Structures are given as C-alpha cells and as structure tokens.
Protein backbone atom coordinates (compact mmCIF):
# COMPACT_ATOMS: atom_id res chain seq x y z
CA MET A 1 51.95 50.37 247.20
CA LEU A 2 49.83 50.12 244.12
CA LYS A 3 46.06 50.24 244.39
CA SER A 4 45.48 46.98 242.52
CA THR A 5 45.36 43.82 244.61
CA LYS A 6 46.78 41.77 241.74
CA TYR A 7 49.89 43.93 241.49
CA ASN A 8 50.33 43.99 245.27
CA THR A 9 50.30 40.19 245.27
CA ILE A 10 52.85 40.05 242.46
CA LEU A 11 55.13 42.51 244.24
CA TYR A 12 54.79 40.54 247.49
CA PHE A 13 55.90 37.30 245.84
CA LEU A 14 58.72 39.08 244.00
CA SER A 15 59.99 40.48 247.30
CA ILE A 16 59.99 36.98 248.81
CA LEU A 17 61.84 35.65 245.76
CA ALA A 18 64.44 38.43 246.04
CA PHE A 19 64.93 37.61 249.74
CA ILE A 20 65.50 33.91 248.94
CA MET A 21 67.87 34.79 246.10
CA GLY A 22 69.83 36.94 248.55
CA PHE A 23 70.51 33.89 250.70
CA ILE A 24 71.46 31.80 247.67
CA ILE A 25 74.06 34.43 246.77
CA VAL A 26 75.28 35.10 250.32
CA ILE A 27 75.89 31.53 251.54
CA PRO A 28 78.84 30.83 249.17
CA LEU A 29 80.25 34.27 249.92
CA VAL A 30 80.10 33.61 253.67
CA LEU A 31 81.85 30.26 253.25
CA ALA A 32 84.56 31.85 251.10
CA PHE A 33 85.05 34.59 253.68
CA ILE A 34 85.25 32.16 256.62
CA TYR A 35 87.79 29.93 254.91
CA GLN A 36 89.73 32.93 253.48
CA GLU A 37 89.35 31.81 249.88
CA GLY A 38 88.95 34.10 246.92
CA ASN A 39 90.55 37.43 246.19
CA SER A 40 89.86 40.85 247.68
CA ILE A 41 87.29 41.74 245.01
CA TYR A 42 85.25 38.71 246.02
CA GLN A 43 85.43 39.72 249.69
CA ALA A 44 84.46 43.31 248.82
CA PHE A 45 81.43 41.89 247.03
CA TYR A 46 80.65 39.94 250.21
CA TYR A 47 80.69 43.13 252.30
CA THR A 48 78.47 44.90 249.76
CA ILE A 49 75.88 42.11 249.88
CA ILE A 50 75.86 42.02 253.70
CA ILE A 51 75.45 45.80 254.01
CA SER A 52 72.67 45.74 251.41
CA LEU A 53 70.80 42.96 253.25
CA ILE A 54 71.11 44.74 256.61
CA THR A 55 69.91 48.02 255.10
CA GLY A 56 67.00 46.30 253.35
CA THR A 57 66.00 44.54 256.56
CA ILE A 58 66.06 47.77 258.55
CA LEU A 59 63.99 49.58 255.92
CA LYS A 60 61.45 46.73 255.81
CA LEU A 61 60.89 46.63 259.58
CA PRO A 62 57.44 47.70 260.76
CA GLU A 63 57.19 51.09 262.43
CA GLU A 64 56.61 49.49 265.86
CA LEU A 65 60.04 47.84 265.83
CA LYS A 66 62.07 50.88 264.75
C-alpha cells in the first residue's frame, strides 16, 4: 500500500465501492441465468463476473485463512 494515510483511506473506500458495484452487476446476471433468459454472450459475461469475484475474494483473504 501507499505510505500516505489519506491515500490508503481513499483506496479502502474505493475497494468497498467496487465490491458493492460487483453485487449490483451480478444480481441481474444471476436472475437471468436462473430463469434462462438472455443469449449465450450474456451468460458468458455472467461466468466471467463470477470467476472474477471468486478470484478477487481469494486474493483478498488474510494470510491466516489461506
């Protein structure tokens, strides 16, 4: 991380915002996948988002939980 406390705080809030935005994007994709609506490109986008979220979660885990 950066040495400045101000920039660390900004990055912390940006990471929370990105996490929330991930859910805002994923919820409609999940519903479309469950009800089999949308075309295959839409479902491929769904898989990409899910894999990205899982990878990001694993990389963000503390060392004790890995």
